[in-house]
Amino acid sequence: MRPIQSSLPGTKGTFGYFRETLQPNFTLSNWDYEQGYFDRALDDQNMVYLRLPIKVLQGELDSADAWIELGNPFVLKHVYQTGVEQDIGYYEPIASSAMNQFQEPLDKDADVDSRWVRKAEAIVKELENRLA
């Protein structure tokens, strides 16, 4: 995990506003009614993500009028298993988490190449300008 320096932490607004502003590039992930993340894949294999933590200040996260606050963005890399799953009775390629959503990553916090950090920094800078 590599934190990204930005002015985004502490930015507040409604969940609906952030969802509309960040879509279609970001998706809500790992959420409950009090917190979650807006994620954006940085690579074609969906292993490297720019992650924007969010915390609910008022309301519930699935409501457009819930007030949320952004946390410190970071880049995260998950290394997934690749190959063929043979224990399910038939052969199924498992090259990405989208193909087997319950599969544990081989490494949940792999080293992040600096090119992904630079790409994330550029996206965060764009978001800072858009959300200012």
N, C-alpha and C. Protein backbone atom coordinates (compact mmCIF):
# COMPACT_ATOMS: atom_id res chain seq x y z
N MET A 1 0.84 -1.17 0.00
CA MET A 1 0.00 0.00 0.00
C MET A 1 0.89 1.24 0.00
N ARG A 2 0.54 2.19 -0.86
CA ARG A 2 1.29 3.44 -0.95
C ARG A 2 0.33 4.61 -0.81
N PRO A 3 0.42 5.39 0.28
CA PRO A 3 -0.45 6.57 0.44
C PRO A 3 -0.12 7.63 -0.61
N ILE A 4 -1.13 8.39 -0.99
CA ILE A 4 -0.99 9.49 -1.94
C ILE A 4 -1.27 10.79 -1.19
N GLN A 5 -0.33 11.71 -1.22
CA GLN A 5 -0.52 13.01 -0.58
C GLN A 5 -1.53 13.81 -1.38
N SER A 6 -2.51 14.36 -0.67
CA SER A 6 -3.51 15.17 -1.36
C SER A 6 -4.27 16.04 -0.37
N SER A 7 -5.10 16.91 -0.93
CA SER A 7 -5.96 17.75 -0.12
C SER A 7 -7.34 17.12 0.05
N LEU A 8 -7.56 15.91 -0.44
CA LEU A 8 -8.87 15.27 -0.39
C LEU A 8 -9.31 14.87 1.02
N PRO A 9 -8.41 14.40 1.90
CA PRO A 9 -8.88 14.02 3.24
C PRO A 9 -9.60 15.17 3.93
N GLY A 10 -10.75 14.84 4.50
CA GLY A 10 -11.55 15.85 5.17
C GLY A 10 -12.60 16.49 4.27
N THR A 11 -12.55 16.23 2.95
CA THR A 11 -13.55 16.76 2.04
C THR A 11 -14.89 16.09 2.34
N LYS A 12 -15.94 16.90 2.50
CA LYS A 12 -17.25 16.39 2.88
C LYS A 12 -18.29 16.70 1.81
N GLY A 13 -19.26 15.84 1.71
CA GLY A 13 -20.37 16.04 0.79
C GLY A 13 -21.32 14.87 0.89
N THR A 14 -22.36 14.88 0.06
CA THR A 14 -23.30 13.77 0.11
C THR A 14 -22.75 12.58 -0.69
N PHE A 15 -23.17 11.41 -0.30
CA PHE A 15 -22.77 10.20 -1.02
C PHE A 15 -23.21 10.30 -2.48
N GLY A 16 -24.41 10.82 -2.71
CA GLY A 16 -24.91 10.97 -4.08
C GLY A 16 -24.01 11.86 -4.92
N TYR A 17 -23.55 12.97 -4.35
CA TYR A 17 -22.66 13.88 -5.07
C TYR A 17 -21.35 13.17 -5.44
N PHE A 18 -20.72 12.52 -4.47
CA PHE A 18 -19.46 11.83 -4.76
C PHE A 18 -19.66 10.70 -5.74
N ARG A 19 -20.73 9.94 -5.59
CA ARG A 19 -20.99 8.83 -6.50
C ARG A 19 -21.12 9.33 -7.93
N GLU A 20 -21.90 10.41 -8.14
CA GLU A 20 -22.08 10.96 -9.48
C GLU A 20 -20.79 11.56 -10.03
N THR A 21 -20.02 12.21 -9.17
CA THR A 21 -18.77 12.85 -9.60
C THR A 21 -17.72 11.82 -9.97
N LEU A 22 -17.68 10.71 -9.26
CA LEU A 22 -16.62 9.72 -9.47
C LEU A 22 -16.97 8.65 -10.49
N GLN A 23 -18.25 8.46 -10.79
CA GLN A 23 -18.62 7.44 -11.77
C GLN A 23 -18.32 7.93 -13.17
N PRO A 24 -18.03 7.10 -14.11
CA PRO A 24 -18.04 5.65 -14.08
C PRO A 24 -16.69 5.04 -13.71
N ASN A 25 -15.69 5.86 -13.42
CA ASN A 25 -14.34 5.34 -13.19
C ASN A 25 -14.15 4.68 -11.83
N PHE A 26 -14.91 5.11 -10.84
CA PHE A 26 -14.78 4.57 -9.49
C PHE A 26 -16.02 3.76 -9.14
N THR A 27 -15.84 2.70 -8.37
CA THR A 27 -16.95 1.90 -7.88
C THR A 27 -16.85 1.80 -6.37
N LEU A 28 -17.99 1.67 -5.73
CA LEU A 28 -18.04 1.50 -4.28
C LEU A 28 -17.68 0.07 -3.95
N SER A 29 -16.79 -0.12 -2.97
CA SER A 29 -16.38 -1.48 -2.60
C SER A 29 -16.19 -1.58 -1.09
N ASN A 30 -16.19 -2.82 -0.61
CA ASN A 30 -15.91 -3.12 0.80
C ASN A 30 -16.62 -2.16 1.74
N TRP A 31 -17.91 -2.03 1.58
CA TRP A 31 -18.63 -1.04 2.34
C TRP A 31 -19.63 -1.68 3.29
N ASP A 32 -19.94 -0.93 4.33
CA ASP A 32 -21.08 -1.21 5.18
C ASP A 32 -21.79 0.13 5.33
N TYR A 33 -22.68 0.27 6.26
CA TYR A 33 -23.45 1.52 6.34
C TYR A 33 -22.68 2.68 6.96
N GLU A 34 -21.47 2.43 7.46
CA GLU A 34 -20.70 3.47 8.13
C GLU A 34 -19.41 3.86 7.42
N GLN A 35 -18.93 3.01 6.51
CA GLN A 35 -17.67 3.28 5.83
C GLN A 35 -17.56 2.44 4.58
N GLY A 36 -16.56 2.78 3.77
CA GLY A 36 -16.32 2.02 2.55
C GLY A 36 -15.21 2.65 1.75
N TYR A 37 -15.11 2.28 0.48
CA TYR A 37 -14.08 2.79 -0.41
C TYR A 37 -14.66 3.03 -1.78
N PHE A 38 -14.18 4.08 -2.43
CA PHE A 38 -14.37 4.23 -3.86
C PHE A 38 -13.07 3.73 -4.49
N ASP A 39 -13.17 2.73 -5.36
CA ASP A 39 -12.00 2.12 -5.99
C ASP A 39 -11.98 2.40 -7.48
N ARG A 40 -10.75 2.55 -7.99
CA ARG A 40 -10.55 2.68 -9.44
C ARG A 40 -9.36 1.80 -9.82
N ALA A 41 -9.61 0.86 -10.73
CA ALA A 41 -8.54 0.00 -11.22
C ALA A 41 -7.56 0.84 -12.04
N LEU A 42 -6.27 0.61 -11.82
CA LEU A 42 -5.24 1.34 -12.55
C LEU A 42 -4.60 0.50 -13.65
N ASP A 43 -4.77 -0.81 -13.57
CA ASP A 43 -4.16 -1.71 -14.55
C ASP A 43 -5.24 -2.54 -15.25
N ASP A 44 -4.86 -3.21 -16.32
CA ASP A 44 -5.80 -4.02 -17.10
C ASP A 44 -6.17 -5.34 -16.43
N GLN A 45 -5.35 -5.80 -15.49
CA GLN A 45 -5.60 -7.07 -14.81
C GLN A 45 -6.43 -6.90 -13.54
N ASN A 46 -6.82 -5.67 -13.22
CA ASN A 46 -7.57 -5.38 -12.00
C ASN A 46 -6.86 -5.89 -10.74
N MET A 47 -5.57 -5.61 -10.67
CA MET A 47 -4.80 -5.96 -9.49
C MET A 47 -4.29 -4.74 -8.74
N VAL A 48 -4.24 -3.59 -9.42
CA VAL A 48 -3.74 -2.35 -8.81
C VAL A 48 -4.88 -1.34 -8.78
N TYR A 49 -5.14 -0.80 -7.59
CA TYR A 49 -6.27 0.12 -7.41
C TYR A 49 -5.86 1.41 -6.72
N LEU A 50 -6.50 2.48 -7.15
CA LEU A 50 -6.50 3.72 -6.38
C LEU A 50 -7.73 3.61 -5.50
N ARG A 51 -7.54 3.78 -4.20
CA ARG A 51 -8.63 3.60 -3.24
C ARG A 51 -8.84 4.88 -2.45
N LEU A 52 -10.10 5.36 -2.43
CA LEU A 52 -10.48 6.54 -1.66
C LEU A 52 -11.37 6.09 -0.50
N PRO A 53 -10.84 6.10 0.73
CA PRO A 53 -11.67 5.71 1.87
C PRO A 53 -12.76 6.76 2.12
N ILE A 54 -13.92 6.29 2.53
CA ILE A 54 -15.01 7.19 2.90
C ILE A 54 -15.58 6.76 4.25
N LYS A 55 -16.00 7.76 5.01
CA LYS A 55 -16.60 7.54 6.32
C LYS A 55 -17.93 8.27 6.36
N VAL A 56 -18.96 7.61 6.85
CA VAL A 56 -20.28 8.22 6.94
C VAL A 56 -20.35 9.11 8.18
N LEU A 57 -20.76 10.34 7.98
CA LEU A 57 -20.92 11.29 9.08
C LEU A 57 -22.37 11.35 9.56
N GLN A 58 -23.30 11.18 8.60
CA GLN A 58 -24.72 11.24 8.93
C GLN A 58 -25.49 10.42 7.90
N GLY A 59 -26.39 9.57 8.36
CA GLY A 59 -27.18 8.73 7.48
C GLY A 59 -26.52 7.37 7.26
N GLU A 60 -26.95 6.69 6.21
CA GLU A 60 -26.42 5.38 5.87
C GLU A 60 -25.87 5.42 4.45
N LEU A 61 -24.79 4.71 4.23
CA LEU A 61 -24.02 4.81 2.99
C LEU A 61 -24.82 4.51 1.73
N ASP A 62 -25.83 3.69 1.80
CA ASP A 62 -26.58 3.39 0.57
C ASP A 62 -27.61 4.46 0.22
N SER A 63 -27.63 5.54 0.98
CA SER A 63 -28.55 6.64 0.74
C SER A 63 -27.84 7.80 0.07
N ALA A 64 -28.43 8.33 -0.99
CA ALA A 64 -27.80 9.43 -1.74
C ALA A 64 -27.59 10.67 -0.88
N ASP A 65 -28.43 10.87 0.14
CA ASP A 65 -28.30 12.07 0.96
C ASP A 65 -27.45 11.86 2.22
N ALA A 66 -26.81 10.71 2.36
CA ALA A 66 -25.91 10.49 3.50
C ALA A 66 -24.69 11.41 3.35
N TRP A 67 -24.28 12.03 4.46
CA TRP A 67 -23.08 12.87 4.45
C TRP A 67 -21.87 12.02 4.73
N ILE A 68 -20.85 12.16 3.86
CA ILE A 68 -19.62 11.38 4.01
C ILE A 68 -18.41 12.29 3.99
N GLU A 69 -17.30 11.74 4.43
CA GLU A 69 -16.02 12.45 4.44
C GLU A 69 -14.97 11.54 3.80
N LEU A 70 -14.18 12.13 2.92
CA LEU A 70 -13.11 11.37 2.27
C LEU A 70 -11.91 11.24 3.20
N GLY A 71 -11.24 10.09 3.09
CA GLY A 71 -10.00 9.86 3.82
C GLY A 71 -8.81 10.03 2.89
N ASN A 72 -7.65 9.56 3.33
CA ASN A 72 -6.42 9.69 2.56
C ASN A 72 -6.36 8.62 1.46
N PRO A 73 -6.27 9.02 0.19
CA PRO A 73 -6.20 8.03 -0.90
C PRO A 73 -4.89 7.24 -0.85
N PHE A 74 -4.97 6.01 -1.39
CA PHE A 74 -3.77 5.19 -1.46
C PHE A 74 -3.87 4.22 -2.63
N VAL A 75 -2.73 3.68 -3.02
CA VAL A 75 -2.65 2.68 -4.08
C VAL A 75 -2.43 1.32 -3.42
N LEU A 76 -3.18 0.35 -3.88
CA LEU A 76 -3.14 -0.99 -3.31
C LEU A 76 -3.01 -1.99 -4.45
N LYS A 77 -2.20 -3.01 -4.24
CA LYS A 77 -2.05 -4.06 -5.26
C LYS A 77 -2.39 -5.41 -4.64
N HIS A 78 -3.32 -6.11 -5.29
CA HIS A 78 -3.68 -7.48 -4.93
C HIS A 78 -3.14 -8.38 -6.02
N VAL A 79 -2.37 -9.39 -5.66
CA VAL A 79 -1.90 -10.37 -6.63
C VAL A 79 -2.79 -11.60 -6.51
N TYR A 80 -3.52 -11.90 -7.59
CA TYR A 80 -4.44 -13.02 -7.60
C TYR A 80 -3.80 -14.25 -8.20
N GLN A 81 -4.36 -15.39 -7.84
CA GLN A 81 -3.91 -16.64 -8.42
C GLN A 81 -4.28 -16.66 -9.90
N THR A 82 -3.43 -17.26 -10.69
CA THR A 82 -3.75 -17.46 -12.10
C THR A 82 -3.60 -18.93 -12.40
N GLY A 83 -4.18 -19.36 -13.47
CA GLY A 83 -4.08 -20.76 -13.84
C GLY A 83 -5.45 -21.37 -13.99
N VAL A 84 -5.56 -22.65 -13.67
CA VAL A 84 -6.79 -23.39 -13.86
C VAL A 84 -7.22 -23.95 -12.52
N GLU A 85 -8.48 -23.73 -12.15
CA GLU A 85 -9.05 -24.29 -10.93
C GLU A 85 -9.49 -25.70 -11.23
N GLN A 86 -8.92 -26.68 -10.55
CA GLN A 86 -9.22 -28.07 -10.86
C GLN A 86 -10.09 -28.75 -9.80
N ASP A 87 -10.35 -28.12 -8.68
CA ASP A 87 -11.08 -28.76 -7.60
C ASP A 87 -12.58 -28.57 -7.67
N ILE A 88 -13.10 -27.97 -8.74
CA ILE A 88 -14.53 -27.69 -8.80
C ILE A 88 -15.27 -28.63 -9.74
N GLY A 89 -14.60 -29.65 -10.26
CA GLY A 89 -15.28 -30.63 -11.10
C GLY A 89 -15.20 -30.32 -12.58
N TYR A 90 -14.77 -29.13 -12.93
CA TYR A 90 -14.56 -28.76 -14.32
C TYR A 90 -13.48 -27.70 -14.32
N TYR A 91 -12.89 -27.49 -15.48
CA TYR A 91 -11.80 -26.53 -15.57
C TYR A 91 -12.33 -25.13 -15.77
N GLU A 92 -11.86 -24.22 -14.95
CA GLU A 92 -12.28 -22.83 -15.05
C GLU A 92 -11.05 -21.95 -14.88
N PRO A 93 -10.75 -21.10 -15.86
CA PRO A 93 -9.62 -20.18 -15.67
C PRO A 93 -9.93 -19.19 -14.56
N ILE A 94 -8.93 -18.87 -13.75
CA ILE A 94 -9.15 -17.93 -12.64
C ILE A 94 -8.11 -16.82 -12.70
N ALA A 95 -8.05 -16.15 -13.83
CA ALA A 95 -7.04 -15.12 -14.04
C ALA A 95 -7.34 -13.83 -13.31
N SER A 96 -8.56 -13.64 -12.86
CA SER A 96 -8.87 -12.40 -12.15
C SER A 96 -9.93 -12.65 -11.10
N SER A 97 -10.07 -11.72 -10.18
CA SER A 97 -11.06 -11.85 -9.13
C SER A 97 -12.47 -11.82 -9.69
N ALA A 98 -12.66 -11.20 -10.85
CA ALA A 98 -13.99 -11.15 -11.44
C ALA A 98 -14.47 -12.53 -11.83
N MET A 99 -13.56 -13.44 -12.09
CA MET A 99 -13.93 -14.78 -12.48
C MET A 99 -14.19 -15.67 -11.26
N ASN A 100 -13.60 -15.35 -10.11
CA ASN A 100 -13.82 -16.11 -8.90
C ASN A 100 -13.76 -15.14 -7.74
N GLN A 101 -14.90 -14.55 -7.44
CA GLN A 101 -14.93 -13.46 -6.47
C GLN A 101 -14.61 -13.90 -5.05
N PHE A 102 -14.62 -15.19 -4.76
CA PHE A 102 -14.35 -15.66 -3.40
C PHE A 102 -12.92 -16.13 -3.21
N GLN A 103 -12.14 -16.04 -4.23
CA GLN A 103 -10.75 -16.49 -4.18
C GLN A 103 -9.91 -15.49 -3.38
N GLU A 104 -9.10 -16.00 -2.48
CA GLU A 104 -8.19 -15.16 -1.71
C GLU A 104 -7.00 -14.77 -2.59
N PRO A 105 -6.57 -13.50 -2.53
CA PRO A 105 -5.38 -13.10 -3.27
C PRO A 105 -4.14 -13.81 -2.72
N LEU A 106 -3.17 -14.04 -3.59
CA LEU A 106 -1.90 -14.59 -3.13
C LEU A 106 -1.19 -13.59 -2.23
N ASP A 107 -1.31 -12.32 -2.56
CA ASP A 107 -0.70 -11.24 -1.77
C ASP A 107 -1.67 -10.07 -1.75
N LYS A 108 -2.22 -9.76 -0.56
CA LYS A 108 -3.21 -8.68 -0.43
C LYS A 108 -2.58 -7.30 -0.42
N ASP A 109 -1.28 -7.23 -0.20
CA ASP A 109 -0.59 -5.94 -0.13
C ASP A 109 0.77 -6.05 -0.80
N ALA A 110 0.75 -6.33 -2.09
CA ALA A 110 1.99 -6.50 -2.85
C ALA A 110 2.66 -5.14 -3.08
N ASP A 111 3.94 -5.18 -3.41
CA ASP A 111 4.67 -3.95 -3.74
C ASP A 111 4.01 -3.27 -4.92
N VAL A 112 3.94 -1.95 -4.84
CA VAL A 112 3.31 -1.16 -5.89
C VAL A 112 4.41 -0.46 -6.68
N ASP A 113 4.43 -0.71 -7.98
CA ASP A 113 5.39 -0.09 -8.88
C ASP A 113 5.15 1.42 -8.92
N SER A 114 6.22 2.19 -9.03
CA SER A 114 6.11 3.65 -9.01
C SER A 114 5.27 4.20 -10.17
N ARG A 115 5.16 3.48 -11.28
CA ARG A 115 4.34 3.98 -12.39
C ARG A 115 2.88 4.05 -11.99
N TRP A 116 2.42 3.12 -11.12
CA TRP A 116 1.03 3.15 -10.66
C TRP A 116 0.83 4.29 -9.67
N VAL A 117 1.83 4.57 -8.88
CA VAL A 117 1.75 5.69 -7.94
C VAL A 117 1.65 6.99 -8.72
N ARG A 118 2.47 7.16 -9.76
CA ARG A 118 2.41 8.37 -10.58
C ARG A 118 1.04 8.51 -11.25
N LYS A 119 0.50 7.42 -11.76
CA LYS A 119 -0.82 7.45 -12.39
C LYS A 119 -1.88 7.84 -11.36
N ALA A 120 -1.80 7.27 -10.17
CA ALA A 120 -2.75 7.59 -9.10
C ALA A 120 -2.63 9.05 -8.68
N GLU A 121 -1.41 9.55 -8.59
CA GLU A 121 -1.21 10.96 -8.22
C GLU A 121 -1.85 11.89 -9.24
N ALA A 122 -1.76 11.56 -10.51
CA ALA A 122 -2.38 12.38 -11.56
C ALA A 122 -3.90 12.35 -11.45
N ILE A 123 -4.46 11.19 -11.16
CA ILE A 123 -5.91 11.07 -11.00
C ILE A 123 -6.37 11.85 -9.77
N VAL A 124 -5.63 11.74 -8.68
CA VAL A 124 -5.98 12.46 -7.45
C VAL A 124 -5.91 13.97 -7.69
N LYS A 125 -4.89 14.44 -8.41
CA LYS A 125 -4.78 15.87 -8.72
C LYS A 125 -6.01 16.33 -9.51
N GLU A 126 -6.44 15.52 -10.47
CA GLU A 126 -7.64 15.84 -11.25
C GLU A 126 -8.87 15.89 -10.34
N LEU A 127 -8.97 14.94 -9.40
CA LEU A 127 -10.10 14.94 -8.47
C LEU A 127 -10.07 16.15 -7.56
N GLU A 128 -8.89 16.55 -7.11
CA GLU A 128 -8.78 17.74 -6.27
C GLU A 128 -9.32 18.96 -7.00
N ASN A 129 -8.99 19.09 -8.27
CA ASN A 129 -9.48 20.22 -9.07
C ASN A 129 -11.00 20.14 -9.29
N ARG A 130 -11.49 18.94 -9.52
CA ARG A 130 -12.92 18.75 -9.78
C ARG A 130 -13.76 18.96 -8.51
N LEU A 131 -13.24 18.55 -7.37
CA LEU A 131 -14.00 18.63 -6.12
C LEU A 131 -13.77 19.94 -5.36
N ALA A 132 -12.88 20.79 -5.87
CA ALA A 132 -12.57 22.05 -5.16
C ALA A 132 -13.73 23.02 -5.17
